[in-house]
Amino acid sequence: MDIDKLMNYPGENEACSEDRSLEDIVDTIIENNAEDDNEDDTVSLEHVTRKEALMTLNTLPNFMIQYKYTTPVLLDAIIKVRDELQIDLNFKGKHTLY
């Protein structure tokens, strides 16, 4: 292959030589964004019980200690959330309905 053809790809010059107005460019972008907005990207969340969340929060500090970017503030926050959830779970478990 000739080096001039490689450096000056014929199709590239035609695409770059199009004279488009700013309005055309904006319209094209808006059309592309509108097509993206029509896609349904929602994800249904599964129900998570307090016990399942507590089991996860018992494991999470162990994982975070192994992670090299973990700060003590982050680790303390995770432990605080775990403790609050445990208190809430204990409080809810002690109540009985009459």
N, C-alpha and C. Protein backbone atom coordinates (compact mmCIF):
# COMPACT_ATOMS: atom_id res chain seq x y z
N MET A 1 0.85 -1.18 0.00
CA MET A 1 0.00 0.00 0.00
C MET A 1 0.89 1.23 0.00
N ASP A 2 0.48 2.22 -0.74
CA ASP A 2 1.23 3.46 -0.86
C ASP A 2 1.08 4.28 0.43
N ILE A 3 2.16 4.85 0.90
CA ILE A 3 2.14 5.61 2.15
C ILE A 3 1.25 6.84 2.04
N ASP A 4 1.19 7.44 0.85
CA ASP A 4 0.33 8.62 0.67
C ASP A 4 -1.14 8.26 0.84
N LYS A 5 -1.54 7.07 0.34
CA LYS A 5 -2.93 6.64 0.50
C LYS A 5 -3.24 6.34 1.96
N LEU A 6 -2.24 5.80 2.66
CA LEU A 6 -2.43 5.50 4.07
C LEU A 6 -2.57 6.77 4.90
N MET A 7 -1.75 7.75 4.61
CA MET A 7 -1.78 9.01 5.35
C MET A 7 -2.97 9.88 4.96
N ASN A 8 -3.36 9.85 3.71
CA ASN A 8 -4.47 10.67 3.21
C ASN A 8 -5.59 9.75 2.74
N TYR A 9 -6.29 9.18 3.67
CA TYR A 9 -7.37 8.24 3.34
C TYR A 9 -8.45 8.99 2.58
N PRO A 10 -8.85 8.50 1.39
CA PRO A 10 -9.79 9.25 0.54
C PRO A 10 -11.13 9.55 1.20
N GLY A 11 -11.71 8.62 1.90
CA GLY A 11 -13.02 8.86 2.53
C GLY A 11 -12.96 9.88 3.64
N GLU A 12 -11.80 10.00 4.27
CA GLU A 12 -11.64 10.95 5.36
C GLU A 12 -11.74 12.38 4.87
N ASN A 13 -11.17 12.66 3.73
CA ASN A 13 -11.19 14.01 3.18
C ASN A 13 -12.60 14.44 2.81
N GLU A 14 -13.40 13.51 2.28
CA GLU A 14 -14.77 13.85 1.92
C GLU A 14 -15.61 14.18 3.15
N ALA A 15 -15.44 13.41 4.22
CA ALA A 15 -16.21 13.65 5.44
C ALA A 15 -15.83 14.97 6.08
N CYS A 16 -14.56 15.32 6.02
CA CYS A 16 -14.10 16.55 6.64
C CYS A 16 -14.43 17.78 5.82
N SER A 17 -14.68 17.57 4.53
CA SER A 17 -14.92 18.74 3.68
C SER A 17 -16.38 19.19 3.71
N GLU A 18 -17.26 18.42 4.36
CA GLU A 18 -18.66 18.83 4.45
C GLU A 18 -18.75 20.10 5.28
N ASP A 19 -19.51 21.05 4.76
CA ASP A 19 -19.69 22.31 5.47
C ASP A 19 -21.04 22.25 6.17
N ARG A 20 -21.00 22.04 7.47
CA ARG A 20 -22.23 21.94 8.24
C ARG A 20 -22.37 23.15 9.14
N SER A 21 -23.57 23.59 9.27
CA SER A 21 -23.81 24.73 10.14
C SER A 21 -23.89 24.25 11.59
N LEU A 22 -23.76 25.17 12.49
CA LEU A 22 -23.84 24.85 13.91
C LEU A 22 -25.21 24.27 14.25
N GLU A 23 -26.25 24.78 13.61
CA GLU A 23 -27.59 24.27 13.86
C GLU A 23 -27.72 22.80 13.45
N ASP A 24 -27.10 22.43 12.31
CA ASP A 24 -27.14 21.03 11.87
C ASP A 24 -26.44 20.12 12.87
N ILE A 25 -25.31 20.58 13.38
CA ILE A 25 -24.56 19.79 14.34
C ILE A 25 -25.37 19.61 15.62
N VAL A 26 -25.97 20.69 16.12
CA VAL A 26 -26.78 20.62 17.34
C VAL A 26 -27.99 19.72 17.13
N ASP A 27 -28.65 19.83 15.96
CA ASP A 27 -29.80 18.97 15.67
C ASP A 27 -29.42 17.50 15.66
N THR A 28 -28.27 17.20 15.09
CA THR A 28 -27.80 15.81 15.06
C THR A 28 -27.55 15.28 16.47
N ILE A 29 -26.95 16.09 17.30
CA ILE A 29 -26.69 15.68 18.68
C ILE A 29 -27.99 15.48 19.43
N ILE A 30 -28.95 16.38 19.27
CA ILE A 30 -30.24 16.26 19.95
C ILE A 30 -30.97 15.00 19.50
N GLU A 31 -30.93 14.68 18.20
CA GLU A 31 -31.57 13.47 17.70
C GLU A 31 -30.94 12.23 18.30
N ASN A 32 -29.62 12.21 18.38
CA ASN A 32 -28.93 11.05 18.96
C ASN A 32 -29.27 10.90 20.43
N ASN A 33 -29.35 12.01 21.16
CA ASN A 33 -29.70 11.95 22.58
C ASN A 33 -31.15 11.51 22.77
N ALA A 34 -32.04 11.93 21.88
CA ALA A 34 -33.44 11.53 21.97
C ALA A 34 -33.58 10.04 21.77
N GLU A 35 -32.79 9.46 20.86
CA GLU A 35 -32.83 8.02 20.65
C GLU A 35 -32.34 7.28 21.88
N ASP A 36 -31.32 7.82 22.54
CA ASP A 36 -30.79 7.20 23.75
C ASP A 36 -31.79 7.27 24.90
N ASP A 37 -32.57 8.36 24.98
CA ASP A 37 -33.53 8.54 26.07
C ASP A 37 -34.70 7.56 25.96
N ASN A 38 -34.99 7.08 24.76
CA ASN A 38 -36.12 6.18 24.57
C ASN A 38 -35.84 4.78 25.10
N GLU A 39 -34.58 4.44 25.29
CA GLU A 39 -34.25 3.12 25.80
C GLU A 39 -34.58 3.03 27.28
N ASP A 40 -35.17 1.92 27.68
CA ASP A 40 -35.53 1.71 29.07
C ASP A 40 -34.35 1.06 29.78
N ASP A 41 -33.71 1.80 30.66
CA ASP A 41 -32.55 1.28 31.37
C ASP A 41 -32.81 1.11 32.86
N THR A 42 -34.08 0.99 33.23
CA THR A 42 -34.41 0.83 34.64
C THR A 42 -34.12 -0.61 35.07
N VAL A 43 -33.74 -0.74 36.29
CA VAL A 43 -33.44 -2.04 36.87
C VAL A 43 -34.32 -2.21 38.10
N SER A 44 -35.04 -3.31 38.15
CA SER A 44 -35.88 -3.52 39.32
C SER A 44 -35.01 -4.03 40.46
N LEU A 45 -35.22 -3.47 41.64
CA LEU A 45 -34.44 -3.83 42.80
C LEU A 45 -35.12 -4.96 43.56
N GLU A 46 -34.31 -5.90 44.01
CA GLU A 46 -34.84 -6.98 44.82
C GLU A 46 -35.01 -6.49 46.25
N HIS A 47 -35.99 -7.04 46.93
CA HIS A 47 -36.22 -6.68 48.32
C HIS A 47 -35.10 -7.26 49.18
N VAL A 48 -34.51 -6.43 50.02
CA VAL A 48 -33.43 -6.85 50.90
C VAL A 48 -33.91 -6.70 52.33
N THR A 49 -33.81 -7.77 53.09
CA THR A 49 -34.24 -7.71 54.49
C THR A 49 -33.15 -7.07 55.34
N ARG A 50 -33.53 -6.69 56.55
CA ARG A 50 -32.54 -6.11 57.46
C ARG A 50 -31.47 -7.13 57.83
N LYS A 51 -31.87 -8.38 57.98
CA LYS A 51 -30.90 -9.41 58.33
C LYS A 51 -29.88 -9.60 57.20
N GLU A 52 -30.34 -9.57 55.95
CA GLU A 52 -29.42 -9.70 54.82
C GLU A 52 -28.47 -8.51 54.76
N ALA A 53 -29.00 -7.32 55.01
CA ALA A 53 -28.15 -6.13 55.01
C ALA A 53 -27.12 -6.19 56.12
N LEU A 54 -27.53 -6.69 57.27
CA LEU A 54 -26.61 -6.81 58.41
C LEU A 54 -25.51 -7.82 58.12
N MET A 55 -25.86 -8.93 57.48
CA MET A 55 -24.83 -9.92 57.13
C MET A 55 -23.82 -9.31 56.16
N THR A 56 -24.30 -8.50 55.22
CA THR A 56 -23.40 -7.84 54.28
C THR A 56 -22.51 -6.84 55.01
N LEU A 57 -23.10 -6.08 55.92
CA LEU A 57 -22.33 -5.08 56.65
C LEU A 57 -21.35 -5.71 57.63
N ASN A 58 -21.52 -6.96 57.98
CA ASN A 58 -20.53 -7.65 58.79
C ASN A 58 -19.32 -8.05 57.95
N THR A 59 -19.54 -8.32 56.67
CA THR A 59 -18.46 -8.72 55.76
C THR A 59 -17.75 -7.53 55.15
N LEU A 60 -18.46 -6.45 54.92
CA LEU A 60 -17.91 -5.29 54.22
C LEU A 60 -16.67 -4.69 54.89
N PRO A 61 -16.61 -4.51 56.21
CA PRO A 61 -15.37 -3.97 56.80
C PRO A 61 -14.15 -4.85 56.54
N ASN A 62 -14.33 -6.16 56.54
CA ASN A 62 -13.21 -7.06 56.24
C ASN A 62 -12.70 -6.85 54.82
N PHE A 63 -13.62 -6.67 53.88
CA PHE A 63 -13.23 -6.40 52.51
C PHE A 63 -12.53 -5.06 52.40
N MET A 64 -13.09 -4.04 53.04
CA MET A 64 -12.54 -2.69 52.92
C MET A 64 -11.14 -2.58 53.54
N ILE A 65 -10.85 -3.36 54.56
CA ILE A 65 -9.51 -3.35 55.15
C ILE A 65 -8.49 -3.84 54.12
N GLN A 66 -8.88 -4.78 53.27
CA GLN A 66 -7.98 -5.31 52.25
C GLN A 66 -7.82 -4.36 51.07
N TYR A 67 -8.76 -3.45 50.88
CA TYR A 67 -8.74 -2.53 49.76
C TYR A 67 -7.76 -1.41 50.07
N LYS A 68 -6.84 -1.12 49.16
CA LYS A 68 -5.73 -0.22 49.50
C LYS A 68 -6.11 1.25 49.63
N TYR A 69 -7.25 1.67 49.10
CA TYR A 69 -7.63 3.08 49.18
C TYR A 69 -8.61 3.37 50.31
N THR A 70 -8.82 2.43 51.20
CA THR A 70 -9.75 2.62 52.30
C THR A 70 -9.14 3.56 53.34
N THR A 71 -9.94 4.52 53.75
CA THR A 71 -9.51 5.44 54.80
C THR A 71 -10.17 5.05 56.11
N PRO A 72 -9.58 5.43 57.23
CA PRO A 72 -10.22 5.13 58.52
C PRO A 72 -11.60 5.76 58.64
N VAL A 73 -11.80 6.92 58.04
CA VAL A 73 -13.10 7.59 58.11
C VAL A 73 -14.16 6.74 57.41
N LEU A 74 -13.82 6.19 56.25
CA LEU A 74 -14.76 5.34 55.52
C LEU A 74 -15.07 4.08 56.31
N LEU A 75 -14.05 3.48 56.85
CA LEU A 75 -14.25 2.26 57.64
C LEU A 75 -15.10 2.53 58.88
N ASP A 76 -14.87 3.65 59.54
CA ASP A 76 -15.68 4.03 60.71
C ASP A 76 -17.14 4.26 60.31
N ALA A 77 -17.36 4.87 59.14
CA ALA A 77 -18.72 5.11 58.67
C ALA A 77 -19.45 3.80 58.41
N ILE A 78 -18.76 2.85 57.80
CA ILE A 78 -19.38 1.54 57.53
C ILE A 78 -19.74 0.85 58.84
N ILE A 79 -18.84 0.89 59.79
CA ILE A 79 -19.08 0.25 61.09
C ILE A 79 -20.23 0.94 61.82
N LYS A 80 -20.31 2.27 61.70
CA LYS A 80 -21.39 3.01 62.35
C LYS A 80 -22.74 2.63 61.74
N VAL A 81 -22.81 2.49 60.43
CA VAL A 81 -24.05 2.07 59.78
C VAL A 81 -24.42 0.67 60.24
N ARG A 82 -23.45 -0.22 60.32
CA ARG A 82 -23.69 -1.58 60.77
C ARG A 82 -24.24 -1.59 62.19
N ASP A 83 -23.63 -0.80 63.05
CA ASP A 83 -24.08 -0.76 64.45
C ASP A 83 -25.49 -0.20 64.56
N GLU A 84 -25.80 0.85 63.81
CA GLU A 84 -27.15 1.42 63.83
C GLU A 84 -28.18 0.42 63.33
N LEU A 85 -27.83 -0.32 62.28
CA LEU A 85 -28.75 -1.33 61.76
C LEU A 85 -28.95 -2.45 62.77
N GLN A 86 -27.90 -2.83 63.47
CA GLN A 86 -28.01 -3.88 64.50
C GLN A 86 -28.90 -3.41 65.65
N ILE A 87 -28.73 -2.16 66.08
CA ILE A 87 -29.57 -1.60 67.14
C ILE A 87 -31.03 -1.59 66.71
N ASP A 88 -31.27 -1.16 65.47
CA ASP A 88 -32.63 -1.10 64.94
C ASP A 88 -33.23 -2.50 64.85
N LEU A 89 -32.43 -3.46 64.42
CA LEU A 89 -32.92 -4.83 64.31
C LEU A 89 -33.24 -5.40 65.69
N ASN A 90 -32.39 -5.13 66.67
CA ASN A 90 -32.64 -5.61 68.04
C ASN A 90 -33.90 -4.96 68.62
N PHE A 91 -34.07 -3.66 68.34
CA PHE A 91 -35.23 -2.93 68.85
C PHE A 91 -36.51 -3.47 68.24
N LYS A 92 -36.52 -3.69 66.94
CA LYS A 92 -37.71 -4.19 66.25
C LYS A 92 -38.02 -5.62 66.69
N GLY A 93 -37.00 -6.40 66.98
CA GLY A 93 -37.21 -7.80 67.35
C GLY A 93 -37.80 -7.96 68.73
N LYS A 94 -37.62 -7.01 69.64
CA LYS A 94 -38.09 -7.12 71.02
C LYS A 94 -39.55 -6.73 71.16
N HIS A 95 -40.11 -6.04 70.19
CA HIS A 95 -41.50 -5.62 70.27
C HIS A 95 -42.42 -6.78 69.86
N THR A 96 -43.47 -6.92 70.60
CA THR A 96 -44.48 -7.93 70.25
C THR A 96 -45.83 -7.22 70.12
N LEU A 97 -46.64 -7.75 69.25
CA LEU A 97 -47.98 -7.19 69.08
C LEU A 97 -48.94 -7.84 70.05
N TYR A 98 -49.83 -7.06 70.60
CA TYR A 98 -50.82 -7.59 71.56
C TYR A 98 -52.05 -8.01 70.86
